[in-house]
Amino acid sequence: MNKTIYLVACLFLTLTATAQKVIRVTPDSPDMTKGLQAAIEEARSHNGKAVTIELQNANYNIFRESSSQQLYHISNTTSEKENPEQTKHIGLWLKGLKNITVDGKGAHLITHGEMTSFVIDGCENITLKNFTVTATDPTVPELTVTEVGDRHMTVRIHPQSKYLIKDGKFSFVGDSWTLSEGIAQSYDPEKDITWRSWSPLPGLQKAIELEPNLLRFTYNTKPQATPGMIFQMRDGIRDEACGLIQYSKNVTLEDVHLAFLGNFGLVGQMSENITYHNLTFAPETGSGRTCAGFADFVQMSGCKGLILIENSRFTGAHDDPINIHGTHLAVTDFLSPNEIVVKYMHHQTYGFQSFLPGNEIEFIDPYSLLPLASFKVKKSKMKSEREIIVTLDKSVPDSIRKKPELVIENVTYTPEVIIRNNFFSRIPSRGLLVSTRRKILIENNTFFRMQMSGILIADDARSWFESGMVRDVTIRNNNFIECNEPVILIAPENSRNKGYVHRNITITNNRFKLIGKNAVSARSVDGLKINGNLFLHPEAINIEGLITTTDCQNVIIKDNLIEKSY
């Protein structure tokens, strides 16, 4: 290299390095909530220039009482009835920022009380990396059954699960929360599986402390438990989330350990280009805990661009590890030929703007799930927390306006999806739910003993109202180990067969170790290819017994192998 060019290059690199502002945050207080937010505000003062907020390999305790309290409505969380107060208690609140990196350097962010650990709202080019999120008082307490009698059982409470006994009445307690009833799932440490189950709390008549953390529970009937079983218990109210990304672009989480996701998971809504790389969703090694998540781990609702989830581990949720979908909103009124009122219909999703000027929307028949016509959004405003007034670029034909039921989907906010090189285990439900009309690639993942399907491709407009149709799906090189059946389920909820809801789905070169005889079940698909897969089954069976198709066309099933498993 020419010496002058070399010196200029070195000078450029030096100037670039010095231009990168670093804000170092030392854990110098028992409560670091305000200190972390102060660092974020200092980063704001640099007006979009690249800033790194750098932590240390230490504990940073964040508390509900000193958090940023902001009103947010989050998809798939709670209804107005379940949680009238939608204010979130936020540890790291990033609002309207650009070019910010939070580098934990191995730090632990430890929540105290029910909290939303971070919110990224209206931001661009944000990276969170190299830290662990956990809780001092996980809202999913755990206990292990040591002995079972006809009307009692002896249990050992996990040391991190605090409790209170008063006049024989038992409750788990945390910072600002208690749990004396609720729902449960069970964990079998030998099989390494969880399932939704009987709960030790609702029928509990009396609790007696035999020694610290060793209790006797008495009942009117025989407990539905066996020695060695671990119960994970919670309420059903998702009043906080682990993290929220909304109205943001180019957000990356990498090398982050989510040891406990309180009350809900990581939610992306109305955002573009989200990357999750090398994440761990699992209890910390040596903690003795078996549950990492109150509900879903990842929920992407109404996003666009690329959703990339790779090289990550998903272990110990109470619901689906990954759910990527849009939202069907019901048309409730036509104020004029080009002005409509639409409504959030499912009780757990409402309150945020789902349509921006220039977005493309489609009218969809909720019974056939087929599109009727597309339009552009001129403007949109919230009429209430449930309803949105949307003005379109042209008049809607009478033939559509006169239909008794309609829904719309935001076509612009539908993402391309890549999910690869991940591991899923200890899940009571499905591994993946994915429904988007853009390209979907699911490859090189391992699904270990899902208690429902490994992969579900749905689409509905009358139950969860989670859209939408798929148009290009490749599921390849995955390992499905003893998942419940059907292992891959393609099941749009169309009640009128007026055409094919889904198109162009390829399932190739996967390995299925089966416990049942229903490997793939598909309905309403045009263009289904199932080829080059290996099916392992303890009995002799032919391929026709493993694959079920209903109302499908252009189906190709070839070059699959069936071997006996032992």
Foldseek 3Di string as FASTA:
>chain_A
DPPVVVVVVVVVVVVVVVQEAEAEQEQPDPACQVVLQVSLVVLVVVPARAYEYEYEQEEHEHEQVPFDWDADAFFPAFFCVLPVGLIFGERAEAEQYENYEYAHHNYEYEYFPFHQDYEHYQYEAYEYERYEYYYLAAQWWKWFWAAWDFFKTKIFTQPSFAWDADPQQIWTDGRVDIGQDAFKWKAQVVQQAIATDDDLGPFFDGWDDPDVRIIMTGGPGTDPDDGGMMMTGHHLHLSYWNYEYESYENYEYEHYEQQAIHSYAYEYAHYAHYEYYAYEQHHDPPSPDQARYPEEHYEYELAAYEYEYANYEAGHYAYEPEEHFYFWWKFDDDPDQFKTKTWRDDRSGWQDDNAAFQWKKFKADQQQQDTDDIWTWHHKDDPDRTMIITGTPDGDDPVVVPDPIIIMTGLRRFYAYEYEHYEYGRANAEHYEDAGADAYEAAHYEYAAHAYAPYEYEAGCPHNRTDDEYEAYEHEHYEYHAYDPCNYEYYYNHNDNPAARYEHYEYEHYEAEYPDQAPYEHERYEHYEYAHYEYEAQDDDDPVRHYHYYHYPNYHYDHYYYDYDD
